[in-house]
Amino acid sequence: MTPDLTERVVLVDAADRELGTAEKLAVHRDGRLHRAVSVFLFDDRGRWLLQRRADGKYHSPGLWSNTACTHPRPGETPDAAAHRRLDEEMGVRCLLQPAFSRVYRADLVGPEKLVEHELDHVFVGRFQGTPVPAAAEVSSWEWAEADVLRADMATRPDRYTPWFRLFRDEVAEAARGFGAS
């Protein structure tokens, strides 16, 4: 699965009203606010399902991150995008529930000086099993204990994507409703 950097993403305002579409790479170069989706899965023990982004990703390669993330396509709902991308990246199908939406901005490390400026719709879910990740998207994966993850993110934050670092505590709180920690 080669990334299509000319794929269109949905531009929005801070209230998630659509303003149009633009090419994905151009949006990340200009730092324009656009719609995104992040998925966080937990098992029955409350462990977080993490992925290490493939080295060929156009930004944040090799960093640990949440289970899956994407940009909804024009006309696609955030819920549909979350399910689509979870299957594409991790080979996982499960029920998801919306947790929260949040605007964030982060300058990404790398020679291209890309910017994440997203209104991110965050979903949480439970999954028991073994993911089957797409090699072009994910180099490895692991189930992480919440306390170990928290400690590692505190001592080695550069190993993790900016959005994962920003959302971790809020996701943990949202996930408590179904027994995750």
N, C-alpha and C. Protein backbone atom coordinates (compact mmCIF):
# COMPACT_ATOMS: atom_id res chain seq x y z
N MET A 1 0.85 -1.17 0.00
CA MET A 1 0.00 0.00 0.00
C MET A 1 0.90 1.24 0.00
N THR A 2 1.11 1.84 -1.16
CA THR A 2 1.93 3.04 -1.27
C THR A 2 1.07 4.26 -0.97
N PRO A 3 1.59 5.19 -0.15
CA PRO A 3 0.78 6.36 0.17
C PRO A 3 0.55 7.22 -1.06
N ASP A 4 -0.66 7.68 -1.22
CA ASP A 4 -1.01 8.59 -2.31
C ASP A 4 -1.00 10.00 -1.73
N LEU A 5 0.11 10.71 -1.94
CA LEU A 5 0.25 12.04 -1.35
C LEU A 5 -0.60 13.08 -2.06
N THR A 6 -1.20 12.70 -3.19
CA THR A 6 -2.12 13.62 -3.87
C THR A 6 -3.57 13.37 -3.45
N GLU A 7 -3.77 12.37 -2.60
CA GLU A 7 -5.11 12.10 -2.07
C GLU A 7 -5.67 13.37 -1.44
N ARG A 8 -6.97 13.56 -1.59
CA ARG A 8 -7.61 14.76 -1.05
C ARG A 8 -8.02 14.53 0.40
N VAL A 9 -7.78 15.55 1.23
CA VAL A 9 -8.25 15.53 2.61
C VAL A 9 -9.27 16.65 2.77
N VAL A 10 -10.09 16.54 3.79
CA VAL A 10 -11.18 17.50 4.02
C VAL A 10 -10.69 18.62 4.93
N LEU A 11 -10.72 19.84 4.41
CA LEU A 11 -10.38 21.02 5.20
C LEU A 11 -11.60 21.40 6.02
N VAL A 12 -11.36 21.79 7.28
CA VAL A 12 -12.45 22.14 8.19
C VAL A 12 -12.07 23.37 9.00
N ASP A 13 -13.08 23.94 9.66
CA ASP A 13 -12.80 24.97 10.66
C ASP A 13 -12.80 24.29 12.03
N ALA A 14 -12.58 25.05 13.08
CA ALA A 14 -12.46 24.48 14.42
C ALA A 14 -13.76 23.84 14.91
N ALA A 15 -14.89 24.16 14.27
CA ALA A 15 -16.18 23.55 14.62
C ALA A 15 -16.50 22.35 13.72
N ASP A 16 -15.52 21.90 12.93
CA ASP A 16 -15.64 20.75 12.04
C ASP A 16 -16.59 21.00 10.87
N ARG A 17 -16.75 22.26 10.49
CA ARG A 17 -17.53 22.57 9.28
C ARG A 17 -16.59 22.46 8.08
N GLU A 18 -17.05 21.75 7.06
CA GLU A 18 -16.21 21.54 5.87
C GLU A 18 -16.02 22.83 5.10
N LEU A 19 -14.76 23.05 4.69
CA LEU A 19 -14.41 24.24 3.91
C LEU A 19 -13.97 23.90 2.50
N GLY A 20 -13.78 22.62 2.22
CA GLY A 20 -13.31 22.19 0.91
C GLY A 20 -12.36 21.02 1.07
N THR A 21 -11.59 20.75 0.00
CA THR A 21 -10.59 19.68 0.05
C THR A 21 -9.28 20.21 -0.52
N ALA A 22 -8.20 19.51 -0.23
CA ALA A 22 -6.88 19.86 -0.76
C ALA A 22 -6.02 18.60 -0.72
N GLU A 23 -4.91 18.63 -1.48
CA GLU A 23 -4.00 17.49 -1.50
C GLU A 23 -3.34 17.30 -0.15
N LYS A 24 -3.23 16.05 0.26
CA LYS A 24 -2.72 15.70 1.59
C LYS A 24 -1.33 16.30 1.87
N LEU A 25 -0.39 16.13 0.96
CA LEU A 25 0.96 16.62 1.21
C LEU A 25 0.99 18.14 1.30
N ALA A 26 0.25 18.82 0.43
CA ALA A 26 0.20 20.28 0.47
C ALA A 26 -0.37 20.78 1.79
N VAL A 27 -1.39 20.12 2.29
CA VAL A 27 -2.01 20.49 3.56
C VAL A 27 -1.01 20.36 4.71
N HIS A 28 -0.21 19.30 4.68
CA HIS A 28 0.78 19.09 5.74
C HIS A 28 1.98 20.04 5.59
N ARG A 29 2.26 20.48 4.39
CA ARG A 29 3.32 21.49 4.22
C ARG A 29 2.86 22.86 4.71
N ASP A 30 1.59 23.19 4.44
CA ASP A 30 1.06 24.51 4.78
C ASP A 30 0.49 24.58 6.20
N GLY A 31 0.27 23.45 6.83
CA GLY A 31 -0.30 23.43 8.18
C GLY A 31 -1.76 23.83 8.23
N ARG A 32 -2.52 23.49 7.19
CA ARG A 32 -3.94 23.83 7.16
C ARG A 32 -4.75 22.83 7.98
N LEU A 33 -5.77 23.35 8.67
CA LEU A 33 -6.61 22.51 9.53
C LEU A 33 -7.44 21.56 8.67
N HIS A 34 -7.37 20.27 9.00
CA HIS A 34 -8.10 19.26 8.25
C HIS A 34 -8.60 18.18 9.20
N ARG A 35 -9.54 17.40 8.70
CA ARG A 35 -10.19 16.35 9.50
C ARG A 35 -9.30 15.10 9.54
N ALA A 36 -9.24 14.48 10.71
CA ALA A 36 -8.45 13.26 10.88
C ALA A 36 -9.18 12.31 11.84
N VAL A 37 -8.68 11.10 11.90
CA VAL A 37 -9.23 10.06 12.76
C VAL A 37 -8.08 9.31 13.43
N SER A 38 -8.21 9.04 14.71
CA SER A 38 -7.25 8.19 15.44
C SER A 38 -8.02 7.11 16.18
N VAL A 39 -7.49 5.88 16.10
CA VAL A 39 -8.12 4.73 16.75
C VAL A 39 -7.16 4.17 17.80
N PHE A 40 -7.71 3.91 18.97
CA PHE A 40 -6.96 3.32 20.08
C PHE A 40 -7.70 2.06 20.53
N LEU A 41 -7.02 0.91 20.46
CA LEU A 41 -7.63 -0.34 20.89
C LEU A 41 -6.97 -0.86 22.16
N PHE A 42 -7.80 -1.54 22.96
CA PHE A 42 -7.37 -2.12 24.22
C PHE A 42 -7.86 -3.56 24.27
N ASP A 43 -7.12 -4.40 25.00
CA ASP A 43 -7.60 -5.76 25.22
C ASP A 43 -8.32 -5.84 26.57
N ASP A 44 -8.77 -7.03 26.93
CA ASP A 44 -9.52 -7.20 28.18
C ASP A 44 -8.67 -6.95 29.42
N ARG A 45 -7.35 -6.96 29.27
CA ARG A 45 -6.45 -6.67 30.39
C ARG A 45 -6.13 -5.18 30.49
N GLY A 46 -6.67 -4.39 29.58
CA GLY A 46 -6.42 -2.95 29.59
C GLY A 46 -5.14 -2.54 28.89
N ARG A 47 -4.52 -3.48 28.17
CA ARG A 47 -3.30 -3.14 27.44
C ARG A 47 -3.64 -2.37 26.16
N TRP A 48 -2.74 -1.49 25.76
CA TRP A 48 -2.89 -0.67 24.56
C TRP A 48 -2.28 -1.41 23.38
N LEU A 49 -2.99 -1.46 22.25
CA LEU A 49 -2.43 -2.04 21.03
C LEU A 49 -1.73 -0.91 20.27
N LEU A 50 -0.40 -1.00 20.21
CA LEU A 50 0.42 0.02 19.56
C LEU A 50 0.96 -0.49 18.24
N GLN A 51 1.25 0.43 17.35
CA GLN A 51 1.95 0.11 16.12
C GLN A 51 3.19 0.99 16.01
N ARG A 52 4.21 0.41 15.39
CA ARG A 52 5.39 1.20 15.03
C ARG A 52 5.25 1.51 13.55
N ARG A 53 5.20 2.81 13.23
CA ARG A 53 4.98 3.22 11.86
C ARG A 53 6.13 2.75 10.96
N ALA A 54 5.78 2.29 9.76
CA ALA A 54 6.77 1.79 8.82
C ALA A 54 7.78 2.87 8.46
N ASP A 55 8.99 2.44 8.16
CA ASP A 55 10.06 3.38 7.83
C ASP A 55 9.78 4.14 6.54
N GLY A 56 8.91 3.65 5.68
CA GLY A 56 8.59 4.32 4.43
C GLY A 56 7.49 5.36 4.52
N LYS A 57 6.94 5.59 5.71
CA LYS A 57 5.86 6.57 5.86
C LYS A 57 6.39 7.97 5.55
N TYR A 58 5.54 8.82 4.97
CA TYR A 58 5.99 10.16 4.57
C TYR A 58 6.22 11.09 5.73
N HIS A 59 5.66 10.78 6.89
CA HIS A 59 6.04 11.52 8.09
C HIS A 59 5.99 10.59 9.30
N SER A 60 6.76 10.93 10.30
CA SER A 60 6.84 10.17 11.55
C SER A 60 7.19 8.69 11.35
N PRO A 61 8.10 8.38 10.39
CA PRO A 61 8.46 6.97 10.19
C PRO A 61 9.19 6.42 11.41
N GLY A 62 8.93 5.15 11.70
CA GLY A 62 9.64 4.47 12.77
C GLY A 62 9.21 4.82 14.18
N LEU A 63 8.22 5.68 14.33
CA LEU A 63 7.76 6.07 15.66
C LEU A 63 6.61 5.16 16.11
N TRP A 64 6.52 4.96 17.42
CA TRP A 64 5.41 4.22 17.99
C TRP A 64 4.19 5.13 18.05
N SER A 65 3.03 4.54 17.82
CA SER A 65 1.81 5.33 17.78
C SER A 65 0.61 4.49 18.20
N ASN A 66 -0.55 5.15 18.15
CA ASN A 66 -1.81 4.47 18.45
C ASN A 66 -2.09 3.41 17.39
N THR A 67 -3.16 2.67 17.57
CA THR A 67 -3.44 1.50 16.74
C THR A 67 -3.57 1.84 15.26
N ALA A 68 -4.24 2.93 14.92
CA ALA A 68 -4.39 3.32 13.51
C ALA A 68 -4.80 4.78 13.45
N CYS A 69 -4.49 5.42 12.32
CA CYS A 69 -4.95 6.79 12.10
C CYS A 69 -5.05 7.04 10.60
N THR A 70 -5.86 8.04 10.25
CA THR A 70 -6.09 8.35 8.84
C THR A 70 -6.78 9.69 8.70
N HIS A 71 -7.06 10.03 7.46
CA HIS A 71 -7.88 11.19 7.11
C HIS A 71 -9.13 10.67 6.41
N PRO A 72 -10.31 11.06 6.87
CA PRO A 72 -11.51 10.67 6.13
C PRO A 72 -11.45 11.21 4.70
N ARG A 73 -11.90 10.42 3.78
CA ARG A 73 -11.97 10.86 2.38
C ARG A 73 -13.17 11.79 2.22
N PRO A 74 -13.16 12.62 1.20
CA PRO A 74 -14.34 13.47 0.97
C PRO A 74 -15.60 12.60 0.89
N GLY A 75 -16.61 12.97 1.67
CA GLY A 75 -17.87 12.23 1.71
C GLY A 75 -17.89 11.06 2.67
N GLU A 76 -16.77 10.75 3.30
CA GLU A 76 -16.68 9.62 4.24
C GLU A 76 -16.81 10.14 5.67
N THR A 77 -17.60 9.46 6.47
CA THR A 77 -17.74 9.87 7.87
C THR A 77 -16.49 9.47 8.66
N PRO A 78 -16.22 10.16 9.77
CA PRO A 78 -15.10 9.74 10.61
C PRO A 78 -15.22 8.29 11.08
N ASP A 79 -16.43 7.85 11.44
CA ASP A 79 -16.63 6.47 11.88
C ASP A 79 -16.26 5.48 10.78
N ALA A 80 -16.72 5.73 9.56
CA ALA A 80 -16.39 4.84 8.44
C ALA A 80 -14.89 4.85 8.17
N ALA A 81 -14.26 6.02 8.25
CA ALA A 81 -12.82 6.12 8.03
C ALA A 81 -12.05 5.34 9.09
N ALA A 82 -12.50 5.42 10.34
CA ALA A 82 -11.83 4.71 11.43
C ALA A 82 -11.86 3.20 11.19
N HIS A 83 -13.02 2.68 10.83
CA HIS A 83 -13.13 1.24 10.56
C HIS A 83 -12.32 0.83 9.33
N ARG A 84 -12.38 1.64 8.27
CA ARG A 84 -11.63 1.34 7.05
C ARG A 84 -10.14 1.24 7.34
N ARG A 85 -9.62 2.27 8.01
CA ARG A 85 -8.18 2.33 8.21
C ARG A 85 -7.68 1.30 9.21
N LEU A 86 -8.48 0.99 10.20
CA LEU A 86 -8.11 -0.05 11.16
C LEU A 86 -7.92 -1.39 10.42
N ASP A 87 -8.80 -1.67 9.48
CA ASP A 87 -8.69 -2.89 8.68
C ASP A 87 -7.49 -2.81 7.74
N GLU A 88 -7.30 -1.66 7.06
CA GLU A 88 -6.19 -1.52 6.11
C GLU A 88 -4.83 -1.60 6.79
N GLU A 89 -4.67 -0.92 7.91
CA GLU A 89 -3.36 -0.87 8.57
C GLU A 89 -3.07 -2.11 9.40
N MET A 90 -4.06 -2.56 10.17
CA MET A 90 -3.80 -3.61 11.17
C MET A 90 -4.54 -4.92 10.90
N GLY A 91 -5.38 -4.96 9.87
CA GLY A 91 -6.13 -6.18 9.59
C GLY A 91 -7.10 -6.53 10.70
N VAL A 92 -7.64 -5.50 11.35
CA VAL A 92 -8.51 -5.69 12.51
C VAL A 92 -9.89 -5.12 12.21
N ARG A 93 -10.90 -5.87 12.60
CA ARG A 93 -12.29 -5.40 12.55
C ARG A 93 -12.89 -5.58 13.93
N CYS A 94 -13.43 -4.49 14.48
CA CYS A 94 -14.07 -4.56 15.79
C CYS A 94 -14.97 -3.34 15.96
N LEU A 95 -15.77 -3.38 17.00
CA LEU A 95 -16.63 -2.24 17.30
C LEU A 95 -15.79 -1.09 17.85
N LEU A 96 -16.14 0.11 17.43
CA LEU A 96 -15.47 1.31 17.92
C LEU A 96 -16.50 2.27 18.47
N GLN A 97 -16.11 3.04 19.45
CA GLN A 97 -16.99 4.09 19.96
C GLN A 97 -16.24 5.41 19.94
N PRO A 98 -16.94 6.50 19.58
CA PRO A 98 -16.29 7.81 19.61
C PRO A 98 -15.94 8.18 21.05
N ALA A 99 -14.74 8.72 21.23
CA ALA A 99 -14.29 9.11 22.57
C ALA A 99 -14.31 10.63 22.74
N PHE A 100 -13.71 11.35 21.80
CA PHE A 100 -13.68 12.81 21.82
C PHE A 100 -13.14 13.31 20.49
N SER A 101 -13.27 14.59 20.26
CA SER A 101 -12.67 15.26 19.10
C SER A 101 -11.85 16.41 19.64
N ARG A 102 -10.72 16.67 18.97
CA ARG A 102 -9.83 17.70 19.47
C ARG A 102 -9.00 18.28 18.34
N VAL A 103 -8.81 19.60 18.37
CA VAL A 103 -7.91 20.27 17.43
C VAL A 103 -6.52 20.29 18.05
N TYR A 104 -5.53 19.94 17.25
CA TYR A 104 -4.15 20.07 17.72
C TYR A 104 -3.25 20.47 16.55
N ARG A 105 -2.10 20.98 16.91
CA ARG A 105 -1.10 21.37 15.91
C ARG A 105 0.26 20.91 16.42
N ALA A 106 1.03 20.28 15.54
CA ALA A 106 2.36 19.81 15.92
C ALA A 106 3.30 19.92 14.72
N ASP A 107 4.45 20.51 14.95
CA ASP A 107 5.50 20.53 13.93
C ASP A 107 6.18 19.17 13.96
N LEU A 108 6.30 18.55 12.80
CA LEU A 108 6.86 17.20 12.72
C LEU A 108 8.36 17.26 12.48
N VAL A 109 9.06 16.32 13.07
CA VAL A 109 10.50 16.21 12.88
C VAL A 109 10.76 15.66 11.49
N GLY A 110 11.75 16.22 10.80
CA GLY A 110 12.12 15.71 9.49
C GLY A 110 12.50 16.83 8.54
N PRO A 111 13.14 16.47 7.44
CA PRO A 111 13.65 17.47 6.50
C PRO A 111 12.56 18.26 5.78
N GLU A 112 11.37 17.71 5.66
CA GLU A 112 10.30 18.38 4.92
C GLU A 112 9.59 19.45 5.73
N LYS A 113 9.81 19.47 7.05
CA LYS A 113 9.17 20.46 7.94
C LYS A 113 7.65 20.45 7.78
N LEU A 114 7.08 19.27 7.88
CA LEU A 114 5.63 19.12 7.77
C LEU A 114 4.96 19.49 9.09
N VAL A 115 3.67 19.81 9.00
CA VAL A 115 2.89 20.23 10.16
C VAL A 115 1.61 19.41 10.22
N GLU A 116 1.33 18.87 11.40
CA GLU A 116 0.02 18.26 11.65
C GLU A 116 -0.85 19.34 12.27
N HIS A 117 -1.95 19.67 11.61
CA HIS A 117 -2.92 20.61 12.17
C HIS A 117 -4.28 19.98 11.88
N GLU A 118 -4.77 19.26 12.86
CA GLU A 118 -5.92 18.40 12.62
C GLU A 118 -7.03 18.61 13.64
N LEU A 119 -8.24 18.42 13.16
CA LEU A 119 -9.38 18.19 14.05
C LEU A 119 -9.53 16.68 14.05
N ASP A 120 -9.06 16.07 15.11
CA ASP A 120 -8.95 14.62 15.18
C ASP A 120 -10.14 14.03 15.93
N HIS A 121 -10.84 13.12 15.25
CA HIS A 121 -11.94 12.37 15.86
C HIS A 121 -11.32 11.08 16.41
N VAL A 122 -11.36 10.93 17.72
CA VAL A 122 -10.70 9.82 18.39
C VAL A 122 -11.73 8.75 18.75
N PHE A 123 -11.39 7.50 18.40
CA PHE A 123 -12.25 6.34 18.66
C PHE A 123 -11.49 5.35 19.53
N VAL A 124 -12.23 4.66 20.40
CA VAL A 124 -11.65 3.61 21.22
C VAL A 124 -12.45 2.33 21.00
N GLY A 125 -11.79 1.20 21.25
CA GLY A 125 -12.46 -0.07 21.11
C GLY A 125 -11.69 -1.17 21.81
N ARG A 126 -12.31 -2.32 21.85
CA ARG A 126 -11.71 -3.52 22.44
C ARG A 126 -11.40 -4.50 21.33
N PHE A 127 -10.27 -5.17 21.50
CA PHE A 127 -9.89 -6.19 20.53
C PHE A 127 -9.13 -7.29 21.25
N GLN A 128 -9.52 -8.50 21.00
CA GLN A 128 -8.81 -9.68 21.51
C GLN A 128 -8.33 -10.42 20.27
N GLY A 129 -7.07 -10.63 20.15
CA GLY A 129 -6.58 -11.36 19.00
C GLY A 129 -5.23 -10.86 18.55
N THR A 130 -4.87 -11.28 17.36
CA THR A 130 -3.58 -10.93 16.79
C THR A 130 -3.80 -10.12 15.54
N PRO A 131 -3.32 -8.88 15.50
CA PRO A 131 -3.46 -8.09 14.28
C PRO A 131 -2.62 -8.66 13.15
N VAL A 132 -3.01 -8.34 11.93
CA VAL A 132 -2.26 -8.72 10.74
C VAL A 132 -1.95 -7.43 9.99
N PRO A 133 -0.88 -6.74 10.40
CA PRO A 133 -0.62 -5.41 9.84
C PRO A 133 -0.10 -5.44 8.41
N ALA A 134 -0.37 -4.36 7.70
CA ALA A 134 0.16 -4.15 6.35
C ALA A 134 1.60 -3.66 6.48
N ALA A 135 2.54 -4.38 5.86
CA ALA A 135 3.96 -4.07 6.02
C ALA A 135 4.32 -2.67 5.54
N ALA A 136 3.62 -2.14 4.55
CA ALA A 136 3.91 -0.79 4.05
C ALA A 136 3.49 0.28 5.05
N GLU A 137 2.65 -0.09 6.00
CA GLU A 137 2.13 0.87 6.98
C GLU A 137 2.74 0.70 8.37
N VAL A 138 2.98 -0.55 8.75
CA VAL A 138 3.34 -0.88 10.13
C VAL A 138 4.56 -1.81 10.12
N SER A 139 5.62 -1.40 10.83
CA SER A 139 6.81 -2.26 10.88
C SER A 139 6.73 -3.28 12.01
N SER A 140 6.03 -2.94 13.09
CA SER A 140 5.83 -3.89 14.18
C SER A 140 4.68 -3.41 15.05
N TRP A 141 4.28 -4.26 15.99
CA TRP A 141 3.18 -3.90 16.88
C TRP A 141 3.43 -4.58 18.22
N GLU A 142 2.74 -4.08 19.25
CA GLU A 142 2.84 -4.71 20.56
C GLU A 142 1.66 -4.33 21.43
N TRP A 143 1.39 -5.18 22.40
CA TRP A 143 0.44 -4.86 23.46
C TRP A 143 1.25 -4.24 24.59
N ALA A 144 0.90 -3.03 25.01
CA ALA A 144 1.65 -2.32 26.05
C ALA A 144 0.82 -2.15 27.31
N GLU A 145 1.41 -2.50 28.44
CA GLU A 145 0.79 -2.25 29.74
C GLU A 145 0.74 -0.74 29.96
N ALA A 146 -0.35 -0.25 30.52
CA ALA A 146 -0.55 1.19 30.68
C ALA A 146 0.55 1.86 31.48
N ASP A 147 0.96 1.25 32.60
CA ASP A 147 1.99 1.88 33.43
C ASP A 147 3.35 1.87 32.77
N VAL A 148 3.67 0.82 32.04
CA VAL A 148 4.94 0.74 31.31
C VAL A 148 4.95 1.78 30.19
N LEU A 149 3.85 1.89 29.47
CA LEU A 149 3.73 2.87 28.40
C LEU A 149 3.89 4.29 28.94
N ARG A 150 3.20 4.59 30.01
CA ARG A 150 3.26 5.92 30.62
C ARG A 150 4.70 6.26 31.01
N ALA A 151 5.39 5.33 31.64
CA ALA A 151 6.77 5.56 32.08
C ALA A 151 7.70 5.74 30.88
N ASP A 152 7.54 4.92 29.86
CA ASP A 152 8.40 5.03 28.68
C ASP A 152 8.17 6.35 27.95
N MET A 153 6.91 6.76 27.83
CA MET A 153 6.61 8.03 27.16
C MET A 153 7.19 9.21 27.95
N ALA A 154 7.26 9.08 29.27
CA ALA A 154 7.82 10.16 30.10
C ALA A 154 9.33 10.25 29.94
N THR A 155 10.00 9.12 29.80
CA THR A 155 11.46 9.13 29.72
C THR A 155 11.99 9.18 28.29
N ARG A 156 11.21 8.69 27.33
CA ARG A 156 11.65 8.66 25.93
C ARG A 156 10.54 9.14 25.00
N PRO A 157 10.09 10.37 25.14
CA PRO A 157 8.95 10.85 24.35
C PRO A 157 9.21 10.87 22.84
N ASP A 158 10.46 11.00 22.43
CA ASP A 158 10.77 11.07 21.00
C ASP A 158 10.55 9.76 20.28
N ARG A 159 10.25 8.69 20.99
CA ARG A 159 9.94 7.41 20.36
C ARG A 159 8.49 7.35 19.87
N TYR A 160 7.68 8.36 20.22
CA TYR A 160 6.24 8.32 19.98
C TYR A 160 5.79 9.49 19.12
N THR A 161 4.71 9.26 18.37
CA THR A 161 4.17 10.34 17.53
C THR A 161 3.62 11.46 18.41
N PRO A 162 3.65 12.69 17.89
CA PRO A 162 3.17 13.82 18.70
C PRO A 162 1.70 13.69 19.11
N TRP A 163 0.85 13.20 18.22
CA TRP A 163 -0.57 13.10 18.56
C TRP A 163 -0.80 12.04 19.64
N PHE A 164 -0.02 10.98 19.61
CA PHE A 164 -0.16 9.95 20.64
C PHE A 164 0.23 10.53 22.01
N ARG A 165 1.33 11.27 22.05
CA ARG A 165 1.75 11.90 23.31
C ARG A 165 0.68 12.86 23.81
N LEU A 166 0.09 13.63 22.91
CA LEU A 166 -0.93 14.61 23.30
C LEU A 166 -2.21 13.96 23.81
N PHE A 167 -2.61 12.87 23.19
CA PHE A 167 -3.92 12.27 23.46
C PHE A 167 -3.90 11.18 24.53
N ARG A 168 -2.73 10.67 24.91
CA ARG A 168 -2.67 9.48 25.76
C ARG A 168 -3.53 9.59 27.02
N ASP A 169 -3.37 10.65 27.78
CA ASP A 169 -4.11 10.76 29.04
C ASP A 169 -5.61 10.87 28.82
N GLU A 170 -6.00 11.65 27.82
CA GLU A 170 -7.43 11.82 27.53
C GLU A 170 -8.05 10.51 27.04
N VAL A 171 -7.30 9.78 26.23
CA VAL A 171 -7.77 8.47 25.75
C VAL A 171 -7.89 7.49 26.93
N ALA A 172 -6.90 7.49 27.80
CA ALA A 172 -6.94 6.60 28.97
C ALA A 172 -8.19 6.87 29.80
N GLU A 173 -8.52 8.13 29.97
CA GLU A 173 -9.71 8.49 30.74
C GLU A 173 -10.98 8.02 30.02
N ALA A 174 -11.05 8.24 28.71
CA ALA A 174 -12.22 7.82 27.93
C ALA A 174 -12.36 6.30 27.93
N ALA A 175 -11.24 5.60 27.90
CA ALA A 175 -11.27 4.14 27.82
C ALA A 175 -11.63 3.48 29.15
N ARG A 176 -11.53 4.19 30.24
CA ARG A 176 -11.87 3.62 31.55
C ARG A 176 -13.32 3.14 31.59
N GLY A 177 -14.16 3.73 30.76
CA GLY A 177 -15.57 3.36 30.73
C GLY A 177 -15.81 1.91 30.36
N PHE A 178 -14.85 1.30 29.68
CA PHE A 178 -15.03 -0.12 29.36
C PHE A 178 -13.89 -0.97 29.90
N GLY A 179 -13.27 -0.51 30.98
CA GLY A 179 -12.33 -1.35 31.70
C GLY A 179 -10.88 -1.24 31.29
N ALA A 180 -10.55 -0.38 30.34
CA ALA A 180 -9.14 -0.21 29.96
C ALA A 180 -8.50 0.79 30.90
N SER A 181 -7.19 0.74 31.02
CA SER A 181 -6.51 1.68 31.91
C SER A 181 -5.56 2.58 31.16
